[in-house]
Amino acid sequence: IPQKAEILIRVHSAGVTGDEILWLQSYPTLSPIP
């Protein structure tokens, strides 16, 4: 749910960068979404 000035996007397509999962050295949620 968008708060403050956030924008909620209904995603049609999402790009995948092969190494991006390794960028997540820390993550704010228990069930991280890349």
PDB file of all heavy atoms in Angstrom:
ATOM      1  N   ILE A   1       0.860  -1.184   0.000  1.00  0.00           N
ATOM      2  CA  ILE A   1       0.000   0.000   0.000  1.00  0.00           C
ATOM      3  C   ILE A   1       0.893   1.230   0.000  1.00  0.00           C
ATOM      4  O   ILE A   1       1.770   1.371   0.852  1.00  0.00           O
ATOM      5  CB  ILE A   1      -0.908   0.016   1.243  1.00  0.00           C
ATOM      6  CG1 ILE A   1      -1.817  -1.218   1.248  1.00  0.00           C
ATOM      7  CG2 ILE A   1      -1.751   1.292   1.289  1.00  0.00           C
ATOM      8  CD1 ILE A   1      -2.628  -1.382   2.513  1.00  0.00           C
ATOM      9  N   PRO A   2       0.720   2.144  -0.952  1.00  0.00           N
ATOM     10  CA  PRO A   2       1.600   3.307  -1.030  1.00  0.00           C
ATOM     11  C   PRO A   2       1.398   4.269   0.141  1.00  0.00           C
ATOM     12  O   PRO A   2       0.262   4.564   0.517  1.00  0.00           O
ATOM     13  CB  PRO A   2       1.218   3.965  -2.359  1.00  0.00           C
ATOM     14  CG  PRO A   2      -0.185   3.508  -2.615  1.00  0.00           C
ATOM     15  CD  PRO A   2      -0.282   2.128  -2.039  1.00  0.00           C
ATOM     16  N   GLN A   3       2.521   4.733   0.683  1.00  0.00           N
ATOM     17  CA  GLN A   3       2.511   5.706   1.761  1.00  0.00           C
ATOM     18  C   GLN A   3       3.184   6.993   1.283  1.00  0.00           C
ATOM     19  O   GLN A   3       3.934   6.987   0.309  1.00  0.00           O
ATOM     20  CB  GLN A   3       3.253   5.157   2.984  1.00  0.00           C
ATOM     21  CG  GLN A   3       2.763   3.804   3.478  1.00  0.00           C
ATOM     22  CD  GLN A   3       1.356   3.842   4.028  1.00  0.00           C
ATOM     23  OE1 GLN A   3       0.974   4.833   4.659  1.00  0.00           O
ATOM     24  NE2 GLN A   3       0.581   2.786   3.808  1.00  0.00           N
ATOM     25  N   LYS A   4       2.928   8.092   1.950  1.00  0.00           N
ATOM     26  CA  LYS A   4       3.559   9.375   1.643  1.00  0.00           C
ATOM     27  C   LYS A   4       3.483   9.652   0.140  1.00  0.00           C
ATOM     28  O   LYS A   4       2.392   9.721  -0.410  1.00  0.00           O
ATOM     29  CB  LYS A   4       4.988   9.392   2.180  1.00  0.00           C
ATOM     30  CG  LYS A   4       5.058   9.238   3.699  1.00  0.00           C
ATOM     31  CD  LYS A   4       6.468   9.297   4.216  1.00  0.00           C
ATOM     32  CE  LYS A   4       6.498   9.163   5.733  1.00  0.00           C
ATOM     33  NZ  LYS A   4       7.866   9.205   6.288  1.00  0.00           N
ATOM     34  N   ALA A   5       4.641   9.780  -0.536  1.00  0.00           N
ATOM     35  CA  ALA A   5       4.627  10.106  -1.975  1.00  0.00           C
ATOM     36  C   ALA A   5       4.974   8.895  -2.827  1.00  0.00           C
ATOM     37  O   ALA A   5       5.410   9.045  -3.978  1.00  0.00           O
ATOM     38  CB  ALA A   5       5.577  11.253  -2.265  1.00  0.00           C
ATOM     39  N   GLU A   6       4.786   7.706  -2.309  1.00  0.00           N
ATOM     40  CA  GLU A   6       5.123   6.499  -3.056  1.00  0.00           C
ATOM     41  C   GLU A   6       4.165   6.282  -4.231  1.00  0.00           C
ATOM     42  O   GLU A   6       3.023   6.753  -4.230  1.00  0.00           O
ATOM     43  CB  GLU A   6       5.084   5.287  -2.136  1.00  0.00           C
ATOM     44  CG  GLU A   6       6.202   5.274  -1.107  1.00  0.00           C
ATOM     45  CD  GLU A   6       6.090   4.098  -0.154  1.00  0.00           C
ATOM     46  OE1 GLU A   6       4.950   3.680   0.162  1.00  0.00           O
ATOM     47  OE2 GLU A   6       7.144   3.600   0.288  1.00  0.00           O
ATOM     48  N   ILE A   7       4.648   5.523  -5.219  1.00  0.00           N
ATOM     49  CA  ILE A   7       3.879   5.201  -6.421  1.00  0.00           C
ATOM     50  C   ILE A   7       3.736   3.684  -6.493  1.00  0.00           C
ATOM     51  O   ILE A   7       4.734   2.962  -6.456  1.00  0.00           O
ATOM     52  CB  ILE A   7       4.596   5.718  -7.679  1.00  0.00           C
ATOM     53  CG1 ILE A   7       4.816   7.234  -7.591  1.00  0.00           C
ATOM     54  CG2 ILE A   7       3.818   5.353  -8.945  1.00  0.00           C
ATOM     55  CD1 ILE A   7       5.790   7.768  -8.629  1.00  0.00           C
ATOM     56  N   LEU A   8       2.507   3.208  -6.587  1.00  0.00           N
ATOM     57  CA  LEU A   8       2.263   1.775  -6.711  1.00  0.00           C
ATOM     58  C   LEU A   8       2.100   1.420  -8.183  1.00  0.00           C
ATOM     59  O   LEU A   8       1.228   1.957  -8.871  1.00  0.00           O
ATOM     60  CB  LEU A   8       1.010   1.366  -5.937  1.00  0.00           C
ATOM     61  CG  LEU A   8       0.665  -0.128  -5.964  1.00  0.00           C
ATOM     62  CD1 LEU A   8       1.729  -0.933  -5.223  1.00  0.00           C
ATOM     63  CD2 LEU A   8      -0.716  -0.379  -5.358  1.00  0.00           C
ATOM     64  N   ILE A   9       2.935   0.528  -8.664  1.00  0.00           N
ATOM     65  CA  ILE A   9       2.901   0.100 -10.062  1.00  0.00           C
ATOM     66  C   ILE A   9       2.380  -1.325 -10.150  1.00  0.00           C
ATOM     67  O   ILE A   9       2.833  -2.216  -9.430  1.00  0.00           O
ATOM     68  CB  ILE A   9       4.296   0.184 -10.703  1.00  0.00           C
ATOM     69  CG1 ILE A   9       4.773   1.637 -10.761  1.00  0.00           C
ATOM     70  CG2 ILE A   9       4.290  -0.417 -12.111  1.00  0.00           C
ATOM     71  CD1 ILE A   9       6.173   1.791 -11.305  1.00  0.00           C
ATOM     72  N   ARG A  10       1.402  -1.510 -11.031  1.00  0.00           N
ATOM     73  CA  ARG A  10       0.971  -2.863 -11.393  1.00  0.00           C
ATOM     74  C   ARG A  10       1.947  -3.348 -12.449  1.00  0.00           C
ATOM     75  O   ARG A  10       2.001  -2.825 -13.565  1.00  0.00           O
ATOM     76  CB  ARG A  10      -0.460  -2.843 -11.949  1.00  0.00           C
ATOM     77  CG  ARG A  10      -0.912  -4.156 -12.592  1.00  0.00           C
ATOM     78  CD  ARG A  10      -1.004  -5.282 -11.573  1.00  0.00           C
ATOM     79  NE  ARG A  10      -1.638  -6.466 -12.148  1.00  0.00           N
ATOM     80  CZ  ARG A  10      -0.962  -7.528 -12.603  1.00  0.00           C
ATOM     81  NH1 ARG A  10       0.369  -7.525 -12.585  1.00  0.00           N
ATOM     82  NH2 ARG A  10      -1.608  -8.575 -13.049  1.00  0.00           N
ATOM     83  N   VAL A  11       2.756  -4.331 -12.107  1.00  0.00           N
ATOM     84  CA  VAL A  11       3.855  -4.776 -12.954  1.00  0.00           C
ATOM     85  C   VAL A  11       3.330  -5.655 -14.089  1.00  0.00           C
ATOM     86  O   VAL A  11       2.613  -6.629 -13.850  1.00  0.00           O
ATOM     87  CB  VAL A  11       4.900  -5.547 -12.127  1.00  0.00           C
ATOM     88  CG1 VAL A  11       6.009  -6.085 -13.024  1.00  0.00           C
ATOM     89  CG2 VAL A  11       5.482  -4.637 -11.043  1.00  0.00           C
ATOM     90  N   HIS A  12       3.698  -5.298 -15.308  1.00  0.00           N
ATOM     91  CA  HIS A  12       3.419  -6.147 -16.456  1.00  0.00           C
ATOM     92  C   HIS A  12       4.615  -7.059 -16.736  1.00  0.00           C
ATOM     93  O   HIS A  12       4.446  -8.248 -16.985  1.00  0.00           O
ATOM     94  CB  HIS A  12       3.109  -5.307 -17.686  1.00  0.00           C
ATOM     95  CG  HIS A  12       1.751  -4.686 -17.653  1.00  0.00           C
ATOM     96  ND1 HIS A  12       0.964  -4.537 -18.779  1.00  0.00           N
ATOM     97  CD2 HIS A  12       1.017  -4.174 -16.634  1.00  0.00           C
ATOM     98  CE1 HIS A  12      -0.182  -3.971 -18.454  1.00  0.00           C
ATOM     99  NE2 HIS A  12      -0.162  -3.726 -17.160  1.00  0.00           N
ATOM    100  N   SER A  13       5.820  -6.483 -16.704  1.00  0.00           N
ATOM    101  CA  SER A  13       7.049  -7.246 -16.929  1.00  0.00           C
ATOM    102  C   SER A  13       8.138  -6.735 -16.002  1.00  0.00           C
ATOM    103  O   SER A  13       8.172  -5.543 -15.684  1.00  0.00           O
ATOM    104  CB  SER A  13       7.519  -7.136 -18.381  1.00  0.00           C
ATOM    105  OG  SER A  13       6.605  -7.740 -19.276  1.00  0.00           O
ATOM    106  N   ALA A  14       9.014  -7.646 -15.591  1.00  0.00           N
ATOM    107  CA  ALA A  14      10.135  -7.284 -14.727  1.00  0.00           C
ATOM    108  C   ALA A  14      11.424  -7.824 -15.327  1.00  0.00           C
ATOM    109  O   ALA A  14      11.487  -8.988 -15.746  1.00  0.00           O
ATOM    110  CB  ALA A  14       9.931  -7.838 -13.321  1.00  0.00           C
ATOM    111  N   GLY A  15      12.457  -6.981 -15.391  1.00  0.00           N
ATOM    112  CA  GLY A  15      13.745  -7.409 -15.925  1.00  0.00           C
ATOM    113  C   GLY A  15      14.528  -8.218 -14.913  1.00  0.00           C
ATOM    114  O   GLY A  15      14.368  -8.063 -13.705  1.00  0.00           O
ATOM    115  N   VAL A  16      15.386  -9.101 -15.425  1.00  0.00           N
ATOM    116  CA  VAL A  16      16.252  -9.914 -14.575  1.00  0.00           C
ATOM    117  C   VAL A  16      17.698  -9.669 -14.975  1.00  0.00           C
ATOM    118  O   VAL A  16      18.088  -9.934 -16.114  1.00  0.00           O
ATOM    119  CB  VAL A  16      15.948 -11.418 -14.705  1.00  0.00           C
ATOM    120  CG1 VAL A  16      16.841 -12.223 -13.754  1.00  0.00           C
ATOM    121  CG2 VAL A  16      14.479 -11.700 -14.419  1.00  0.00           C
ATOM    122  N   THR A  17      18.489  -9.158 -14.040  1.00  0.00           N
ATOM    123  CA  THR A  17      19.934  -9.032 -14.224  1.00  0.00           C
ATOM    124  C   THR A  17      20.573 -10.180 -13.453  1.00  0.00           C
ATOM    125  O   THR A  17      20.362 -10.307 -12.242  1.00  0.00           O
ATOM    126  CB  THR A  17      20.445  -7.683 -13.712  1.00  0.00           C
ATOM    127  OG1 THR A  17      19.823  -6.640 -14.468  1.00  0.00           O
ATOM    128  CG2 THR A  17      21.955  -7.571 -13.866  1.00  0.00           C
ATOM    129  N   GLY A  18      21.329 -11.023 -14.147  1.00  0.00           N
ATOM    130  CA  GLY A  18      21.777 -12.291 -13.576  1.00  0.00           C
ATOM    131  C   GLY A  18      22.499 -12.205 -12.250  1.00  0.00           C
ATOM    132  O   GLY A  18      22.378 -13.090 -11.410  1.00  0.00           O
ATOM    133  N   ASP A  19      23.259 -11.124 -12.039  1.00  0.00           N
ATOM    134  CA  ASP A  19      24.046 -11.006 -10.817  1.00  0.00           C
ATOM    135  C   ASP A  19      23.356 -10.182  -9.738  1.00  0.00           C
ATOM    136  O   ASP A  19      23.911 -10.008  -8.658  1.00  0.00           O
ATOM    137  CB  ASP A  19      25.411 -10.366 -11.131  1.00  0.00           C
ATOM    138  CG  ASP A  19      26.265 -11.252 -12.026  1.00  0.00           C
ATOM    139  OD1 ASP A  19      26.122 -12.479 -11.937  1.00  0.00           O
ATOM    140  OD2 ASP A  19      27.067 -10.717 -12.806  1.00  0.00           O
ATOM    141  N   GLU A  20      22.150  -9.691 -10.005  1.00  0.00           N
ATOM    142  CA  GLU A  20      21.568  -8.739  -9.065  1.00  0.00           C
ATOM    143  C   GLU A  20      21.257  -9.368  -7.714  1.00  0.00           C
ATOM    144  O   GLU A  20      21.257  -8.689  -6.691  1.00  0.00           O
ATOM    145  CB  GLU A  20      20.303  -8.104  -9.643  1.00  0.00           C
ATOM    146  CG  GLU A  20      19.100  -9.010  -9.706  1.00  0.00           C
ATOM    147  CD  GLU A  20      17.879  -8.283 -10.261  1.00  0.00           C
ATOM    148  OE1 GLU A  20      17.898  -7.893 -11.443  1.00  0.00           O
ATOM    149  OE2 GLU A  20      16.908  -8.123  -9.515  1.00  0.00           O
ATOM    150  N   ILE A  21      21.002 -10.660  -7.687  1.00  0.00           N
ATOM    151  CA  ILE A  21      20.698 -11.301  -6.412  1.00  0.00           C
ATOM    152  C   ILE A  21      21.883 -11.229  -5.460  1.00  0.00           C
ATOM    153  O   ILE A  21      21.732 -11.239  -4.243  1.00  0.00           O
ATOM    154  CB  ILE A  21      20.268 -12.767  -6.650  1.00  0.00           C
ATOM    155  CG1 ILE A  21      19.519 -13.308  -5.435  1.00  0.00           C
ATOM    156  CG2 ILE A  21      21.438 -13.648  -7.014  1.00  0.00           C
ATOM    157  CD1 ILE A  21      18.818 -14.618  -5.704  1.00  0.00           C
ATOM    158  N   LEU A  22      23.086 -11.129  -6.017  1.00  0.00           N
ATOM    159  CA  LEU A  22      24.285 -11.037  -5.196  1.00  0.00           C
ATOM    160  C   LEU A  22      24.502  -9.640  -4.649  1.00  0.00           C
ATOM    161  O   LEU A  22      25.371  -9.429  -3.807  1.00  0.00           O
ATOM    162  CB  LEU A  22      25.507 -11.482  -6.012  1.00  0.00           C
ATOM    163  CG  LEU A  22      25.422 -12.893  -6.591  1.00  0.00           C
ATOM    164  CD1 LEU A  22      26.652 -13.197  -7.437  1.00  0.00           C
ATOM    165  CD2 LEU A  22      25.280 -13.926  -5.476  1.00  0.00           C
ATOM    166  N   TRP A  23      23.728  -8.655  -5.144  1.00  0.00           N
ATOM    167  CA  TRP A  23      23.852  -7.300  -4.626  1.00  0.00           C
ATOM    168  C   TRP A  23      23.189  -7.164  -3.261  1.00  0.00           C
ATOM    169  O   TRP A  23      23.426  -6.210  -2.538  1.00  0.00           O
ATOM    170  CB  TRP A  23      23.197  -6.291  -5.563  1.00  0.00           C
ATOM    171  CG  TRP A  23      23.706  -6.320  -6.971  1.00  0.00           C
ATOM    172  CD1 TRP A  23      24.838  -6.911  -7.428  1.00  0.00           C
ATOM    173  CD2 TRP A  23      23.086  -5.720  -8.103  1.00  0.00           C
ATOM    174  NE1 TRP A  23      24.959  -6.729  -8.777  1.00  0.00           N
ATOM    175  CE2 TRP A  23      23.907  -6.000  -9.221  1.00  0.00           C
ATOM    176  CE3 TRP A  23      21.919  -4.975  -8.284  1.00  0.00           C
ATOM    177  CZ2 TRP A  23      23.591  -5.563 -10.496  1.00  0.00           C
ATOM    178  CZ3 TRP A  23      21.610  -4.541  -9.554  1.00  0.00           C
ATOM    179  CH2 TRP A  23      22.437  -4.829 -10.651  1.00  0.00           C
ATOM    180  N   LEU A  24      22.347  -8.119  -2.905  1.00  0.00           N
ATOM    181  CA  LEU A  24      21.529  -7.982  -1.701  1.00  0.00           C
ATOM    182  C   LEU A  24      22.310  -8.429  -0.474  1.00  0.00           C
ATOM    183  O   LEU A  24      22.094  -9.502   0.079  1.00  0.00           O
ATOM    184  CB  LEU A  24      20.244  -8.809  -1.842  1.00  0.00           C
ATOM    185  CG  LEU A  24      19.443  -8.526  -3.115  1.00  0.00           C
ATOM    186  CD1 LEU A  24      18.223  -9.429  -3.161  1.00  0.00           C
ATOM    187  CD2 LEU A  24      19.018  -7.081  -3.170  1.00  0.00           C
ATOM    188  N   GLN A  25      23.254  -7.621  -0.045  1.00  0.00           N
ATOM    189  CA  GLN A  25      24.050  -7.953   1.123  1.00  0.00           C
ATOM    190  C   GLN A  25      23.215  -7.897   2.394  1.00  0.00           C
ATOM    191  O   GLN A  25      23.474  -8.584   3.365  1.00  0.00           O
ATOM    192  CB  GLN A  25      25.246  -6.998   1.228  1.00  0.00           C
ATOM    193  CG  GLN A  25      26.159  -7.039   0.020  1.00  0.00           C
ATOM    194  CD  GLN A  25      26.724  -8.416  -0.238  1.00  0.00           C
ATOM    195  OE1 GLN A  25      27.136  -9.108   0.690  1.00  0.00           O
ATOM    196  NE2 GLN A  25      26.739  -8.841  -1.487  1.00  0.00           N
ATOM    197  N   SER A  26      22.238  -7.049   2.407  1.00  0.00           N
ATOM    198  CA  SER A  26      21.294  -6.988   3.522  1.00  0.00           C
ATOM    199  C   SER A  26      19.937  -6.658   2.929  1.00  0.00           C
ATOM    200  O   SER A  26      19.834  -6.069   1.858  1.00  0.00           O
ATOM    201  CB  SER A  26      21.695  -5.926   4.544  1.00  0.00           C
ATOM    202  OG  SER A  26      21.747  -4.652   3.949  1.00  0.00           O
ATOM    203  N   TYR A  27      18.887  -7.045   3.608  1.00  0.00           N
ATOM    204  CA  TYR A  27      17.559  -6.834   3.046  1.00  0.00           C
ATOM    205  C   TYR A  27      16.566  -6.615   4.169  1.00  0.00           C
ATOM    206  O   TYR A  27      16.634  -7.285   5.198  1.00  0.00           O
ATOM    207  CB  TYR A  27      17.151  -8.030   2.186  1.00  0.00           C
ATOM    208  CG  TYR A  27      16.247  -7.645   1.055  1.00  0.00           C
ATOM    209  CD1 TYR A  27      16.759  -7.058  -0.091  1.00  0.00           C
ATOM    210  CD2 TYR A  27      14.881  -7.826   1.151  1.00  0.00           C
ATOM    211  CE1 TYR A  27      15.931  -6.692  -1.123  1.00  0.00           C
ATOM    212  CE2 TYR A  27      14.042  -7.449   0.117  1.00  0.00           C
ATOM    213  CZ  TYR A  27      14.574  -6.878  -1.018  1.00  0.00           C
ATOM    214  OH  TYR A  27      13.760  -6.493  -2.030  1.00  0.00           O
ATOM    215  N   PRO A  28      15.647  -5.657   4.008  1.00  0.00           N
ATOM    216  CA  PRO A  28      14.790  -5.255   5.118  1.00  0.00           C
ATOM    217  C   PRO A  28      13.619  -6.186   5.422  1.00  0.00           C
ATOM    218  O   PRO A  28      12.898  -5.971   6.368  1.00  0.00           O
ATOM    219  CB  PRO A  28      14.273  -3.878   4.683  1.00  0.00           C
ATOM    220  CG  PRO A  28      14.256  -3.957   3.191  1.00  0.00           C
ATOM    221  CD  PRO A  28      15.448  -4.804   2.830  1.00  0.00           C
ATOM    222  N   THR A  29      13.394  -7.227   4.592  1.00  0.00           N
ATOM    223  CA  THR A  29      12.239  -8.091   4.829  1.00  0.00           C
ATOM    224  C   THR A  29      12.689  -9.524   5.058  1.00  0.00           C
ATOM    225  O   THR A  29      13.788  -9.927   4.680  1.00  0.00           O
ATOM    226  CB  THR A  29      11.278  -8.072   3.624  1.00  0.00           C
ATOM    227  OG1 THR A  29      11.941  -8.625   2.491  1.00  0.00           O
ATOM    228  CG2 THR A  29      10.834  -6.649   3.316  1.00  0.00           C
ATOM    229  N   LEU A  30      11.813 -10.308   5.664  1.00  0.00           N
ATOM    230  CA  LEU A  30      12.126 -11.706   5.931  1.00  0.00           C
ATOM    231  C   LEU A  30      11.989 -12.552   4.677  1.00  0.00           C
ATOM    232  O   LEU A  30      12.584 -13.619   4.567  1.00  0.00           O
ATOM    233  CB  LEU A  30      11.195 -12.247   7.027  1.00  0.00           C
ATOM    234  CG  LEU A  30      11.353 -11.608   8.409  1.00  0.00           C
ATOM    235  CD1 LEU A  30      10.310 -12.175   9.366  1.00  0.00           C
ATOM    236  CD2 LEU A  30      12.756 -11.846   8.958  1.00  0.00           C
ATOM    237  N   SER A  31      11.199 -12.106   3.734  1.00  0.00           N
ATOM    238  CA  SER A  31      10.975 -12.851   2.487  1.00  0.00           C
ATOM    239  C   SER A  31      11.321 -11.954   1.309  1.00  0.00           C
ATOM    240  O   SER A  31      10.440 -11.397   0.644  1.00  0.00           O
ATOM    241  CB  SER A  31       9.514 -13.310   2.398  1.00  0.00           C
ATOM    242  OG  SER A  31       9.172 -14.106   3.496  1.00  0.00           O
ATOM    243  N   PRO A  32      12.605 -11.728   1.036  1.00  0.00           N
ATOM    244  CA  PRO A  32      13.013 -10.737   0.035  1.00  0.00           C
ATOM    245  C   PRO A  32      12.556 -11.075  -1.371  1.00  0.00           C
ATOM    246  O   PRO A  32      12.585 -12.225  -1.810  1.00  0.00           O
ATOM    247  CB  PRO A  32      14.533 -10.742   0.140  1.00  0.00           C
ATOM    248  CG  PRO A  32      14.873 -12.063   0.732  1.00  0.00           C
ATOM    249  CD  PRO A  32      13.759 -12.408   1.639  1.00  0.00           C
ATOM    250  N   ILE A  33      12.124 -10.044  -2.078  1.00  0.00           N
ATOM    251  CA  ILE A  33      11.724 -10.143  -3.478  1.00  0.00           C
ATOM    252  C   ILE A  33      12.784  -9.421  -4.301  1.00  0.00           C
ATOM    253  O   ILE A  33      13.077  -8.251  -4.042  1.00  0.00           O
ATOM    254  CB  ILE A  33      10.351  -9.481  -3.700  1.00  0.00           C
ATOM    255  CG1 ILE A  33       9.284 -10.156  -2.839  1.00  0.00           C
ATOM    256  CG2 ILE A  33       9.965  -9.534  -5.178  1.00  0.00           C
ATOM    257  CD1 ILE A  33       7.960  -9.403  -2.827  1.00  0.00           C
ATOM    258  N   PRO A  34      13.382 -10.073  -5.296  1.00  0.00           N
ATOM    259  CA  PRO A  34      14.387  -9.399  -6.118  1.00  0.00           C
ATOM    260  C   PRO A  34      13.742  -8.515  -7.175  1.00  0.00           C
ATOM    261  O   PRO A  34      12.522  -8.501  -7.342  1.00  0.00           O
ATOM    262  CB  PRO A  34      15.136 -10.563  -6.759  1.00  0.00           C
ATOM    263  CG  PRO A  34      14.079 -11.616  -6.913  1.00  0.00           C
ATOM    264  CD  PRO A  34      13.180 -11.470  -5.699  1.00  0.00           C
TER     265      PRO A  34
END
